[in-house]
Amino acid sequence: MEPETVVNEMSVVLVDENGDFTRRRIGGPKGIDAVSKLLGVPVYDVEETGYPQRMRERIERERLLRKREEQRQRREKFERGELPD
């Protein structure tokens, strides 16, 4: 469970064993209880437990892959003699 902020509503993040995740607004504490009961999964408050390690690792892996792809594209443009963006 993620708390409500000035920018975002209260939400729930579902994380699988590979670190894939999905985030959904739930409309408050009653929504969290309903999701937990419906799916039969425990609920953790991210402010108390933090995000699961597998989720953090997945986000970092994806960030590195995006960065490498951006560098590859810049290198290709440079090799073709194009000006950088």
N, C-alpha and C. Protein backbone atom coordinates (compact mmCIF):
# COMPACT_ATOMS: atom_id res chain seq x y z
N MET A 1 0.84 -1.17 0.00
CA MET A 1 0.00 0.00 0.00
C MET A 1 0.89 1.24 0.00
N GLU A 2 0.56 2.18 -0.85
CA GLU A 2 1.26 3.46 -0.90
C GLU A 2 0.32 4.53 -0.36
N PRO A 3 0.82 5.41 0.49
CA PRO A 3 -0.05 6.43 1.08
C PRO A 3 -0.45 7.50 0.06
N GLU A 4 -1.50 8.19 0.39
CA GLU A 4 -1.94 9.32 -0.42
C GLU A 4 -0.92 10.44 -0.27
N THR A 5 -0.65 11.13 -1.37
CA THR A 5 0.25 12.29 -1.35
C THR A 5 -0.49 13.46 -1.98
N VAL A 6 0.18 14.59 -2.05
CA VAL A 6 -0.41 15.76 -2.68
C VAL A 6 -0.69 15.47 -4.16
N VAL A 7 0.14 14.65 -4.77
CA VAL A 7 0.04 14.37 -6.20
C VAL A 7 -0.77 13.11 -6.51
N ASN A 8 -0.66 12.08 -5.67
CA ASN A 8 -1.27 10.78 -5.96
C ASN A 8 -2.26 10.33 -4.90
N GLU A 9 -3.27 9.60 -5.35
CA GLU A 9 -4.22 8.99 -4.43
C GLU A 9 -3.58 7.78 -3.77
N MET A 10 -4.21 7.29 -2.70
CA MET A 10 -3.75 6.05 -2.08
C MET A 10 -3.78 4.96 -3.14
N SER A 11 -2.75 4.13 -3.17
CA SER A 11 -2.68 3.10 -4.20
C SER A 11 -2.13 1.80 -3.62
N VAL A 12 -2.28 0.76 -4.41
CA VAL A 12 -1.75 -0.54 -4.04
C VAL A 12 -0.82 -0.97 -5.17
N VAL A 13 0.30 -1.59 -4.79
CA VAL A 13 1.26 -2.10 -5.77
C VAL A 13 1.31 -3.61 -5.59
N LEU A 14 1.04 -4.33 -6.67
CA LEU A 14 1.13 -5.79 -6.65
C LEU A 14 2.44 -6.17 -7.32
N VAL A 15 3.26 -6.99 -6.62
CA VAL A 15 4.58 -7.37 -7.11
C VAL A 15 4.66 -8.88 -7.21
N ASP A 16 5.07 -9.39 -8.39
CA ASP A 16 5.21 -10.84 -8.52
C ASP A 16 6.62 -11.28 -8.13
N GLU A 17 6.88 -12.58 -8.22
CA GLU A 17 8.16 -13.12 -7.76
C GLU A 17 9.35 -12.67 -8.61
N ASN A 18 9.10 -12.15 -9.82
CA ASN A 18 10.17 -11.66 -10.69
C ASN A 18 10.43 -10.17 -10.54
N GLY A 19 9.62 -9.51 -9.73
CA GLY A 19 9.78 -8.07 -9.57
C GLY A 19 8.90 -7.26 -10.49
N ASP A 20 8.15 -7.93 -11.39
CA ASP A 20 7.18 -7.20 -12.21
C ASP A 20 6.12 -6.65 -11.27
N PHE A 21 5.63 -5.46 -11.57
CA PHE A 21 4.64 -4.88 -10.67
C PHE A 21 3.62 -4.05 -11.43
N THR A 22 2.50 -3.86 -10.78
CA THR A 22 1.46 -2.98 -11.31
C THR A 22 0.94 -2.14 -10.15
N ARG A 23 0.63 -0.91 -10.44
CA ARG A 23 0.17 0.04 -9.41
C ARG A 23 -1.23 0.50 -9.79
N ARG A 24 -2.12 0.50 -8.80
CA ARG A 24 -3.50 0.91 -9.05
C ARG A 24 -4.01 1.78 -7.90
N ARG A 25 -4.79 2.80 -8.25
CA ARG A 25 -5.47 3.60 -7.23
C ARG A 25 -6.58 2.74 -6.63
N ILE A 26 -6.81 2.91 -5.34
CA ILE A 26 -7.83 2.07 -4.71
C ILE A 26 -8.88 2.84 -3.95
N GLY A 27 -8.72 4.12 -3.81
CA GLY A 27 -9.78 4.92 -3.22
C GLY A 27 -9.87 4.88 -1.71
N GLY A 28 -8.81 4.52 -1.02
CA GLY A 28 -8.82 4.59 0.43
C GLY A 28 -8.63 3.25 1.12
N PRO A 29 -8.57 3.27 2.45
CA PRO A 29 -8.29 2.07 3.24
C PRO A 29 -9.29 0.93 3.01
N LYS A 30 -10.56 1.24 2.82
CA LYS A 30 -11.54 0.18 2.58
C LYS A 30 -11.23 -0.55 1.28
N GLY A 31 -10.74 0.18 0.30
CA GLY A 31 -10.35 -0.43 -0.97
C GLY A 31 -9.21 -1.41 -0.79
N ILE A 32 -8.27 -1.09 0.07
CA ILE A 32 -7.13 -1.99 0.32
C ILE A 32 -7.62 -3.27 0.96
N ASP A 33 -8.49 -3.16 1.94
CA ASP A 33 -9.03 -4.36 2.59
C ASP A 33 -9.75 -5.24 1.58
N ALA A 34 -10.52 -4.63 0.70
CA ALA A 34 -11.27 -5.39 -0.31
C ALA A 34 -10.33 -6.11 -1.27
N VAL A 35 -9.28 -5.43 -1.72
CA VAL A 35 -8.32 -6.05 -2.64
C VAL A 35 -7.60 -7.20 -1.95
N SER A 36 -7.19 -6.99 -0.72
CA SER A 36 -6.49 -8.03 0.04
C SER A 36 -7.35 -9.28 0.20
N LYS A 37 -8.60 -9.08 0.57
CA LYS A 37 -9.51 -10.23 0.74
C LYS A 37 -9.81 -10.91 -0.59
N LEU A 38 -10.05 -10.12 -1.62
CA LEU A 38 -10.37 -10.67 -2.94
C LEU A 38 -9.23 -11.53 -3.49
N LEU A 39 -8.00 -11.04 -3.35
CA LEU A 39 -6.85 -11.74 -3.91
C LEU A 39 -6.21 -12.73 -2.94
N GLY A 40 -6.58 -12.62 -1.67
CA GLY A 40 -5.99 -13.51 -0.67
C GLY A 40 -4.50 -13.25 -0.46
N VAL A 41 -4.13 -11.99 -0.48
CA VAL A 41 -2.72 -11.63 -0.30
C VAL A 41 -2.58 -10.67 0.88
N PRO A 42 -1.42 -10.71 1.54
CA PRO A 42 -1.20 -9.77 2.64
C PRO A 42 -0.96 -8.36 2.10
N VAL A 43 -1.18 -7.38 2.95
CA VAL A 43 -0.95 -5.99 2.59
C VAL A 43 0.14 -5.43 3.48
N TYR A 44 1.10 -4.76 2.87
CA TYR A 44 2.19 -4.12 3.60
C TYR A 44 2.18 -2.63 3.29
N ASP A 45 2.43 -1.84 4.30
CA ASP A 45 2.51 -0.39 4.13
C ASP A 45 3.94 -0.05 3.71
N VAL A 46 4.10 0.55 2.55
CA VAL A 46 5.43 0.84 2.02
C VAL A 46 6.20 1.79 2.93
N GLU A 47 5.50 2.61 3.71
CA GLU A 47 6.19 3.51 4.64
C GLU A 47 6.82 2.73 5.79
N GLU A 48 6.30 1.56 6.09
CA GLU A 48 6.83 0.75 7.18
C GLU A 48 7.83 -0.30 6.68
N THR A 49 7.54 -0.93 5.56
CA THR A 49 8.36 -2.05 5.09
C THR A 49 9.27 -1.70 3.92
N GLY A 50 8.99 -0.60 3.23
CA GLY A 50 9.73 -0.30 2.00
C GLY A 50 9.21 -1.16 0.87
N TYR A 51 9.74 -0.92 -0.33
CA TYR A 51 9.34 -1.73 -1.48
C TYR A 51 10.14 -3.03 -1.47
N PRO A 52 9.58 -4.11 -2.00
CA PRO A 52 10.31 -5.38 -2.05
C PRO A 52 11.61 -5.24 -2.85
N GLN A 53 12.64 -5.93 -2.39
CA GLN A 53 13.94 -5.89 -3.06
C GLN A 53 13.83 -6.27 -4.53
N ARG A 54 13.04 -7.29 -4.83
CA ARG A 54 12.92 -7.74 -6.23
C ARG A 54 12.32 -6.64 -7.11
N MET A 55 11.44 -5.82 -6.56
CA MET A 55 10.86 -4.71 -7.31
C MET A 55 11.92 -3.63 -7.55
N ARG A 56 12.70 -3.31 -6.51
CA ARG A 56 13.75 -2.30 -6.66
C ARG A 56 14.79 -2.74 -7.68
N GLU A 57 15.15 -4.04 -7.63
CA GLU A 57 16.13 -4.56 -8.58
C GLU A 57 15.59 -4.51 -10.01
N ARG A 58 14.32 -4.81 -10.18
CA ARG A 58 13.70 -4.77 -11.51
C ARG A 58 13.71 -3.35 -12.07
N ILE A 59 13.35 -2.38 -11.25
CA ILE A 59 13.34 -0.97 -11.67
C ILE A 59 14.75 -0.54 -12.07
N GLU A 60 15.74 -0.92 -11.28
CA GLU A 60 17.12 -0.55 -11.59
C GLU A 60 17.60 -1.21 -12.88
N ARG A 61 17.27 -2.49 -13.08
CA ARG A 61 17.63 -3.19 -14.31
C ARG A 61 17.04 -2.49 -15.53
N GLU A 62 15.76 -2.12 -15.45
CA GLU A 62 15.10 -1.45 -16.56
C GLU A 62 15.70 -0.07 -16.82
N ARG A 63 16.07 0.63 -15.75
CA ARG A 63 16.71 1.94 -15.90
C ARG A 63 18.04 1.81 -16.64
N LEU A 64 18.84 0.81 -16.25
CA LEU A 64 20.12 0.59 -16.90
C LEU A 64 19.95 0.21 -18.37
N LEU A 65 18.98 -0.64 -18.67
CA LEU A 65 18.74 -1.03 -20.06
C LEU A 65 18.30 0.16 -20.91
N ARG A 66 17.44 1.03 -20.35
CA ARG A 66 17.02 2.25 -21.08
C ARG A 66 18.23 3.15 -21.35
N LYS A 67 19.07 3.31 -20.33
CA LYS A 67 20.25 4.17 -20.47
C LYS A 67 21.19 3.62 -21.54
N ARG A 68 21.41 2.31 -21.54
CA ARG A 68 22.27 1.70 -22.56
C ARG A 68 21.70 1.90 -23.96
N GLU A 69 20.39 1.76 -24.10
CA GLU A 69 19.75 1.94 -25.40
C GLU A 69 19.88 3.39 -25.87
N GLU A 70 19.70 4.34 -24.96
CA GLU A 70 19.86 5.76 -25.32
C GLU A 70 21.29 6.03 -25.76
N GLN A 71 22.26 5.46 -25.05
CA GLN A 71 23.67 5.65 -25.42
C GLN A 71 23.95 5.03 -26.79
N ARG A 72 23.39 3.86 -27.06
CA ARG A 72 23.58 3.19 -28.34
C ARG A 72 23.03 4.06 -29.48
N GLN A 73 21.84 4.62 -29.26
CA GLN A 73 21.23 5.47 -30.28
C GLN A 73 22.05 6.74 -30.52
N ARG A 74 22.56 7.34 -29.44
CA ARG A 74 23.41 8.53 -29.59
C ARG A 74 24.69 8.20 -30.35
N ARG A 75 25.27 7.05 -30.04
CA ARG A 75 26.49 6.62 -30.71
C ARG A 75 26.24 6.41 -32.21
N GLU A 76 25.12 5.78 -32.54
CA GLU A 76 24.77 5.57 -33.95
C GLU A 76 24.62 6.90 -34.69
N LYS A 77 23.95 7.86 -34.06
CA LYS A 77 23.78 9.18 -34.68
C LYS A 77 25.13 9.85 -34.89
N PHE A 78 26.00 9.74 -33.88
CA PHE A 78 27.33 10.35 -33.97
C PHE A 78 28.11 9.72 -35.13
N GLU A 79 28.04 8.40 -35.23
CA GLU A 79 28.76 7.69 -36.29
C GLU A 79 28.22 8.04 -37.67
N ARG A 80 26.95 8.41 -37.76
CA ARG A 80 26.36 8.84 -39.04
C ARG A 80 26.62 10.32 -39.31
N GLY A 81 27.21 11.00 -38.35
CA GLY A 81 27.51 12.42 -38.52
C GLY A 81 26.36 13.34 -38.19
N GLU A 82 25.34 12.82 -37.52
CA GLU A 82 24.19 13.65 -37.15
C GLU A 82 24.49 14.42 -35.87
N LEU A 83 23.87 15.58 -35.75
CA LEU A 83 24.03 16.38 -34.54
C LEU A 83 23.21 15.76 -33.41
N PRO A 84 23.72 15.84 -32.17
CA PRO A 84 22.94 15.31 -31.04
C PRO A 84 21.70 16.14 -30.78
N ASP A 85 20.71 15.51 -30.17
CA ASP A 85 19.45 16.20 -29.85
C ASP A 85 19.65 17.29 -28.84
